[in-house]
């Protein structure tokens, strides 16, 4: 295979992270995220939060992060509202349901939810005379970017936050690819905005150049108390937590996290423009590092000999929608090579 565009964690990790771990290899420090490296990483992240009194915790992976925060927020009889295409609904093997909570999926063509949708769903539940016989909407889950690469603008997030505040339910934003969202054309959300308009959000490391790990930023004071108990119980606490601290300290030094996002998005948008120039349509317009073209099945079989991609869905008898994903390590010449293998649409 010439190059794999299957996902954004094909490579091991950014060289600066590997170098930082190597330099710190003989250091001795405390365990379970109570070390000096994690504290430095927390300080660097908090520096972007415009003075918000947020807690920052480090967990080993995205599924552990989502499962831990959602289970911590919900009462036993509650579920979490998410887009039908949301990661917790389609790509986490029922991890949320395994905690005893239902994912309350709402339809979405572009992976996003609207404030109006959420309000209708919550209001309809409480207006139902049999409400107590059904799972209560107790939380809202969004991802930035979404599973389809689309992004929420500040006004959209603010409107959703206001609905959540009105009904007194937490709002959590899954930021597994958060760095890519900041580099998207039209993006206007900052880390400080996320600290202001969510109960909690995650900052993805795994898909943004880290070996592994996510940072969870907890903004709601009620969620902060004893949260480390939740992390331990859900299997998200790493004994050698300083490995997470070193990685996030590196990612938030000299703007590396944002640089990684810019590179991944630039390569994806270069690919998008090249596909459009060749006459191909997109299943969804993604301004981030995921590209969803609709391509002939015969062409995809040919491409599969040299390039990795993810099947997304069948469009008709002759065409499939697939995903090409770029990363911090995607060489521009590999994007050129892929485009060079795709003829103009007949």
Protein backbone atom coordinates (compact mmCIF):
# COMPACT_ATOMS: atom_id res chain seq x y z
CA UNK A 1 0.00 0.00 0.00
CA UNK A 2 1.31 3.41 -0.98
CA UNK A 3 -0.47 5.38 1.77
CA UNK A 4 -3.29 4.78 4.26
CA UNK A 5 -5.99 7.46 4.57
CA UNK A 6 -8.15 5.17 6.75
CA UNK A 7 -7.92 7.32 9.89
CA UNK A 8 -5.88 10.00 11.66
CA UNK A 9 -3.97 7.72 14.01
CA UNK A 10 -2.22 5.38 11.60
CA UNK A 11 1.17 6.75 12.65
CA UNK A 12 2.65 6.30 16.10
CA UNK A 13 3.03 9.86 17.42
CA UNK A 14 4.47 13.26 16.60
CA UNK A 15 8.27 13.27 16.90
CA UNK A 16 8.23 16.08 19.45
CA UNK A 17 6.12 13.92 21.75
CA UNK A 18 8.38 10.91 21.35
CA UNK A 19 11.43 13.08 22.00
CA UNK A 20 9.83 14.55 25.13
CA UNK A 21 9.02 11.09 26.50
CA UNK A 22 12.56 9.90 25.77
CA UNK A 23 14.07 12.89 27.55
CA UNK A 24 11.87 12.25 30.59
CA UNK A 25 12.36 8.50 30.57
CA UNK A 26 14.53 8.33 33.70
CA UNK A 27 12.54 10.89 35.67
CA UNK A 28 10.79 9.66 38.78
CA UNK A 29 7.47 11.24 39.67
CA UNK A 30 4.16 10.62 41.33
CA UNK A 31 1.56 8.31 39.77
CA UNK A 32 -2.06 8.39 38.56
CA UNK A 33 -1.99 11.91 37.14
CA UNK A 34 -0.79 13.52 40.36
CA UNK A 35 2.67 14.22 38.94
CA UNK A 36 4.42 17.44 37.99
CA UNK A 37 4.08 16.77 34.25
CA UNK A 38 0.30 16.52 34.42
CA UNK A 39 0.18 19.67 36.50
CA UNK A 40 2.26 21.56 33.93
CA UNK A 41 -0.04 20.30 31.17
CA UNK A 42 -3.07 21.46 33.17
CA UNK A 43 -1.55 24.92 33.54
CA UNK A 44 -0.88 25.14 29.80
CA UNK A 45 -4.44 24.12 28.95
CA UNK A 46 -5.96 26.48 31.54
CA UNK A 47 -3.98 29.33 30.00
CA UNK A 48 -6.36 29.05 27.01
CA UNK A 49 -9.55 29.12 29.10
CA UNK A 50 -9.73 32.85 29.81
CA UNK A 51 -9.63 32.44 33.59
CA UNK A 52 -12.26 29.70 33.86
CA UNK A 53 -11.92 27.69 37.06
CA UNK A 54 -11.97 24.38 35.20
CA UNK A 55 -10.53 21.09 36.35
CA UNK A 56 -8.42 19.19 33.83
CA UNK A 57 -8.16 15.41 34.07
CA UNK A 58 -6.26 13.04 31.78
CA UNK A 59 -7.70 9.71 30.65
CA UNK A 60 -6.23 6.95 28.52
CA UNK A 61 -8.65 7.06 25.57
CA UNK A 62 -11.73 8.51 23.97
CA UNK A 63 -14.21 5.77 24.84
CA UNK A 64 -13.13 5.84 28.49
CA UNK A 65 -13.49 9.62 28.51
CA UNK A 66 -16.97 9.64 26.98
CA UNK A 67 -18.20 6.76 29.12
CA UNK A 68 -16.81 8.22 32.34
CA UNK A 69 -18.20 11.74 31.99
CA UNK A 70 -21.59 10.58 30.72
CA UNK A 71 -22.06 7.97 33.44
CA UNK A 72 -21.00 10.54 36.06
CA UNK A 73 -23.59 13.05 34.85
CA UNK A 74 -26.62 10.81 34.52
CA UNK A 75 -29.01 9.46 37.12
CA UNK A 76 -29.92 5.76 36.73
CA UNK A 77 -33.18 6.54 34.91
CA UNK A 78 -31.70 9.07 32.47
CA UNK A 79 -30.24 8.91 28.97
CA UNK A 80 -28.05 11.13 26.83
CA UNK A 81 -29.28 12.96 23.74
CA UNK A 82 -26.98 12.60 20.71
CA UNK A 83 -27.14 12.79 16.94
CA UNK A 84 -27.95 9.42 15.38
CA UNK A 85 -24.51 9.52 13.73
CA UNK A 86 -22.80 10.54 16.99
CA UNK A 87 -19.73 8.58 18.00
CA UNK A 88 -21.28 7.25 21.21
CA UNK A 89 -24.22 5.91 19.19
CA UNK A 90 -22.39 4.20 16.33
CA UNK A 91 -18.71 3.59 17.13
CA UNK A 92 -18.36 2.74 20.82
CA UNK A 93 -19.84 -0.77 20.92
CA UNK A 94 -22.64 0.17 23.29
CA UNK A 95 -20.23 1.50 25.91
CA UNK A 96 -22.79 4.02 27.14
CA UNK A 97 -25.57 1.43 27.29
CA UNK A 98 -23.22 -0.88 29.19
CA UNK A 99 -23.24 1.66 32.03
CA UNK A 100 -27.03 1.36 32.19
CA UNK A 101 -27.81 4.53 30.24
CA UNK A 102 -29.58 4.83 26.91
CA UNK A 103 -28.37 6.95 23.99
CA UNK A 104 -31.39 8.98 22.87
CA UNK A 105 -30.57 9.40 19.18
CA UNK A 106 -32.01 12.27 17.13
CA UNK A 107 -31.87 12.37 13.32
CA UNK A 108 -29.30 14.57 11.62
CA UNK A 109 -28.23 14.83 7.99
CA UNK A 110 -24.93 16.56 8.73
CA UNK A 111 -24.03 15.12 12.14
CA UNK A 112 -25.14 18.21 14.05
CA UNK A 113 -28.00 18.84 16.44
CA UNK A 114 -29.88 22.12 16.74
CA UNK A 115 -31.10 23.87 19.84
CA UNK A 116 -34.65 23.59 18.52
CA UNK A 117 -34.33 19.82 18.08
CA UNK A 118 -33.03 19.34 21.58
CA UNK A 119 -35.68 21.56 23.12
CA UNK A 120 -38.46 19.70 21.27
CA UNK A 121 -37.15 16.35 22.48
CA UNK A 122 -36.81 17.41 26.11
CA UNK A 123 -40.09 19.34 26.20
CA UNK A 124 -41.97 16.45 24.57
CA UNK A 125 -40.73 14.07 27.25
CA UNK A 126 -41.88 16.21 30.16
CA UNK A 127 -45.20 17.01 28.47
CA UNK A 128 -46.02 13.31 28.15
CA UNK A 129 -48.39 12.01 30.84
CA UNK A 130 -46.43 8.74 30.88
CA UNK A 131 -43.03 10.43 31.15
CA UNK A 132 -42.01 8.55 34.27
CA UNK A 133 -42.31 5.27 32.36
CA UNK A 134 -39.69 6.35 29.83
CA UNK A 135 -35.98 7.18 29.88
CA UNK A 136 -35.61 10.82 30.86
CA UNK A 137 -33.35 13.06 28.74
CA UNK A 138 -30.67 13.97 31.27
CA UNK A 139 -27.75 15.22 29.21
CA UNK A 140 -26.74 16.40 25.74
CA UNK A 141 -23.74 15.04 23.82
CA UNK A 142 -22.18 16.89 20.89
CA UNK A 143 -18.88 16.34 19.12
CA UNK A 144 -16.65 19.03 17.67
CA UNK A 145 -16.09 18.24 14.88
CA UNK A 146 -18.93 15.78 14.35
CA UNK A 147 -18.56 12.24 13.07
CA UNK A 148 -19.15 13.72 9.61
CA UNK A 149 -16.48 16.40 9.93
CA UNK A 150 -18.90 19.30 10.33
CA UNK A 151 -18.47 21.95 13.02
CA UNK A 152 -20.61 23.94 15.41
CA UNK A 153 -20.32 27.70 15.30
CA UNK A 154 -20.30 29.76 18.49
CA UNK A 155 -23.90 30.92 18.04
CA UNK A 156 -25.09 27.33 17.63
CA UNK A 157 -23.27 26.14 20.74
CA UNK A 158 -24.55 29.11 22.75
CA UNK A 159 -28.15 28.36 21.73
CA UNK A 160 -27.77 24.71 22.73
CA UNK A 161 -26.16 25.73 26.03
CA UNK A 162 -29.10 28.02 26.77
CA UNK A 163 -31.55 25.15 26.21
CA UNK A 164 -29.52 22.92 28.53
CA UNK A 165 -29.43 25.65 31.16
CA UNK A 166 -33.18 26.12 30.87
CA UNK A 167 -33.81 22.43 31.56
CA UNK A 168 -30.87 22.09 33.98
CA UNK A 169 -29.15 19.29 32.06
CA UNK A 170 -25.39 19.02 31.42
CA UNK A 171 -23.86 19.65 28.00
CA UNK A 172 -20.77 17.65 27.05
CA UNK A 173 -18.69 18.17 23.90
CA UNK A 174 -16.54 15.29 22.67
CA UNK A 175 -13.40 16.90 21.23
CA UNK A 176 -11.63 13.81 19.92
CA UNK A 177 -10.67 15.83 16.81
CA UNK A 178 -10.98 19.24 18.45
CA UNK A 179 -7.70 20.53 16.99
CA UNK A 180 -9.06 20.04 13.48
CA UNK A 181 -12.16 22.08 14.28
CA UNK A 182 -10.08 25.15 15.15
CA UNK A 183 -8.44 25.07 11.72
CA UNK A 184 -11.69 24.74 9.74
CA UNK A 185 -12.82 27.56 7.49
CA UNK A 186 -15.50 29.58 9.30
CA UNK A 187 -14.57 28.26 12.74
CA UNK A 188 -15.17 30.77 15.53
CA UNK A 189 -15.15 28.63 18.69
CA UNK A 190 -12.20 28.81 21.06
CA UNK A 191 -11.18 26.73 24.04
CA UNK A 192 -12.36 29.61 26.23
CA UNK A 193 -15.80 29.46 24.58
CA UNK A 194 -16.01 25.74 25.27
CA UNK A 195 -15.12 26.39 28.91
CA UNK A 196 -17.87 29.00 29.05
CA UNK A 197 -20.68 27.17 27.22
CA UNK A 198 -20.33 23.52 28.26
CA UNK A 199 -20.46 21.50 31.46
CA UNK A 200 -17.42 19.58 30.24
CA UNK A 201 -15.47 18.97 27.04
CA UNK A 202 -12.60 16.80 25.94
CA UNK A 203 -9.42 17.69 24.09
CA UNK A 204 -8.40 14.77 21.91
CA UNK A 205 -4.80 13.62 21.88
CA UNK A 206 -5.03 10.23 20.17
CA UNK A 207 -6.20 11.71 16.85
CA UNK A 208 -4.02 14.81 17.15
CA UNK A 209 -0.51 13.41 17.29
CA UNK A 210 -0.35 11.80 20.74
CA UNK A 211 0.51 8.18 21.39
CA UNK A 212 -2.77 7.95 23.31
CA UNK A 213 -4.85 9.93 25.75
CA UNK A 214 -7.49 12.64 26.10
CA UNK A 215 -7.77 15.67 28.35
CA UNK A 216 -11.15 16.17 30.00
CA UNK A 217 -11.97 19.76 30.96
CA UNK A 218 -14.67 19.91 33.64
CA UNK A 219 -16.38 23.27 34.01
CA UNK A 220 -19.44 22.48 36.16
CA UNK A 221 -18.45 22.74 39.85
CA UNK A 222 -20.91 19.96 40.74
CA UNK A 223 -19.06 17.50 38.51
CA UNK A 224 -15.60 18.24 39.88
CA UNK A 225 -16.01 16.71 43.33
CA UNK A 226 -14.71 13.15 43.52
CA UNK A 227 -14.45 12.87 39.75
CA UNK A 228 -11.23 10.90 40.04
CA UNK A 229 -13.25 8.11 41.65
CA UNK A 230 -15.26 7.89 38.42
CA UNK A 231 -12.07 7.78 36.33
CA UNK A 232 -10.63 4.94 38.38
CA UNK A 233 -13.85 2.93 38.41
CA UNK A 234 -14.31 3.23 34.63
CA UNK A 235 -10.78 2.12 33.79
CA UNK A 236 -9.61 5.48 32.50
CA UNK A 237 -6.88 6.17 35.06
CA UNK A 238 -3.31 5.42 33.98
CA UNK A 239 -0.81 4.41 36.68
CA UNK A 240 2.01 6.05 34.71
CA UNK A 241 -0.14 9.15 34.29
CA UNK A 242 2.93 11.30 33.70
CA UNK A 243 3.02 9.84 30.16
CA UNK A 244 -0.26 11.65 29.51
CA UNK A 245 1.06 14.80 31.15
CA UNK A 246 4.23 14.84 29.02
CA UNK A 247 2.19 14.45 25.85
CA UNK A 248 -0.29 17.24 26.60
CA UNK A 249 2.44 19.48 27.93
CA UNK A 250 4.19 19.03 24.57
CA UNK A 251 1.02 19.48 22.52
CA UNK A 252 0.32 22.79 24.27
CA UNK A 253 3.87 24.12 23.97
CA UNK A 254 4.60 26.56 21.13
CA UNK A 255 1.17 25.95 19.57
CA UNK A 256 1.88 22.38 18.44
CA UNK A 257 -1.72 21.24 18.98
CA UNK A 258 -3.06 23.95 16.69
CA UNK A 259 -0.27 23.44 14.15
CA UNK A 260 -1.17 19.75 13.90
CA UNK A 261 -4.81 20.63 13.26
CA UNK A 262 -3.90 23.15 10.58
CA UNK A 263 -1.75 20.67 8.69
CA UNK A 264 -4.36 17.90 8.75
CA UNK A 265 -7.14 20.24 7.60
CA UNK A 266 -5.01 21.82 4.87
CA UNK A 267 -4.29 18.40 3.34
CA UNK A 268 -7.94 17.34 3.57
CA UNK A 269 -9.18 20.52 1.93
CA UNK A 270 -6.58 20.15 -0.82
CA UNK A 271 -8.02 16.69 -1.45
CA UNK A 272 -11.59 18.03 -1.38
CA UNK A 273 -10.79 20.74 -3.93
CA UNK A 274 -9.08 18.22 -6.20
CA UNK A 275 -12.03 15.86 -6.09
CA UNK A 276 -14.49 18.65 -6.82
CA UNK A 277 -12.33 19.80 -9.76
CA UNK A 278 -12.62 16.26 -11.14
CA UNK A 279 -16.42 16.44 -10.92
CA UNK A 280 -17.13 14.35 -7.81
CA UNK A 281 -19.76 15.24 -5.23
CA UNK A 282 -19.40 14.99 -1.46
CA UNK A 283 -21.79 13.06 0.79
CA UNK A 284 -21.42 15.91 3.29
CA UNK A 285 -19.45 19.16 3.17
CA UNK A 286 -16.73 18.74 5.79
CA UNK A 287 -14.38 21.68 6.47
CA UNK A 288 -12.12 19.58 8.71
CA UNK A 289 -9.75 16.66 8.16
CA UNK A 290 -12.34 14.10 7.06
CA UNK A 291 -13.37 13.98 3.39
CA UNK A 292 -16.48 12.07 2.26
CA UNK A 293 -16.56 11.78 -1.54
CA UNK A 294 -19.03 9.71 -3.55
CA UNK A 295 -16.98 7.58 -5.92
CA UNK A 296 -17.70 4.74 -8.38
CA UNK A 297 -17.21 1.28 -6.88
CA UNK A 298 -15.00 0.30 -9.80
CA UNK A 299 -12.68 3.24 -9.09
CA UNK A 300 -12.63 2.43 -5.38
CA UNK A 301 -11.48 -1.11 -6.10
CA UNK A 302 -8.58 0.32 -8.10
CA UNK A 303 -7.72 2.90 -5.44
CA UNK A 304 -7.80 0.23 -2.74
CA UNK A 305 -4.70 -1.37 -4.24
CA UNK A 306 -2.60 1.66 -3.31
CA UNK A 307 -4.54 3.75 -0.80
CA UNK A 308 -6.42 2.96 2.39
CA UNK A 309 -9.85 4.52 2.97
CA UNK A 310 -12.92 3.80 5.10
CA UNK A 311 -16.17 2.64 3.53
CA UNK A 312 -18.96 4.87 4.79
CA UNK A 313 -22.19 3.90 3.07
CA UNK A 314 -23.62 2.67 -0.21
CA UNK A 315 -25.15 5.44 -2.32
CA UNK A 316 -26.57 3.36 -5.17
CA UNK A 317 -25.70 0.29 -7.21
CA UNK A 318 -22.67 1.96 -8.77
CA UNK A 319 -21.37 4.40 -6.15
CA UNK A 320 -20.26 4.39 -2.52
CA UNK A 321 -19.52 7.18 -0.09
CA UNK A 322 -16.11 6.69 1.55
CA UNK A 323 -13.93 8.60 3.98
CA UNK A 324 -10.40 9.79 3.47
CA UNK A 325 -8.85 11.06 6.71
CA UNK A 326 -5.69 13.16 6.98
CA UNK A 327 -3.44 13.67 9.98
CA UNK A 328 -0.44 15.57 11.34
CA UNK A 329 1.76 13.22 9.33
CA UNK A 330 0.01 13.23 5.94
CA UNK A 331 2.63 14.19 3.32
CA UNK A 332 1.33 16.64 0.67
CA UNK A 333 2.86 14.41 -2.00
CA UNK A 334 0.60 11.54 -0.91
CA UNK A 335 -2.45 13.74 -1.43
CA UNK A 336 -1.07 14.55 -4.88
CA UNK A 337 -0.53 10.84 -5.55
CA UNK A 338 -4.10 10.02 -4.54
CA UNK A 339 -5.53 12.77 -6.71
CA UNK A 340 -3.30 11.62 -9.55
CA UNK A 341 -4.97 8.21 -9.35
CA UNK A 342 -8.50 9.65 -9.67
CA UNK A 343 -9.59 10.48 -13.22
CA UNK A 344 -12.13 13.17 -14.05
CA UNK A 345 -15.72 11.98 -13.72
CA UNK A 346 -17.16 10.75 -16.99
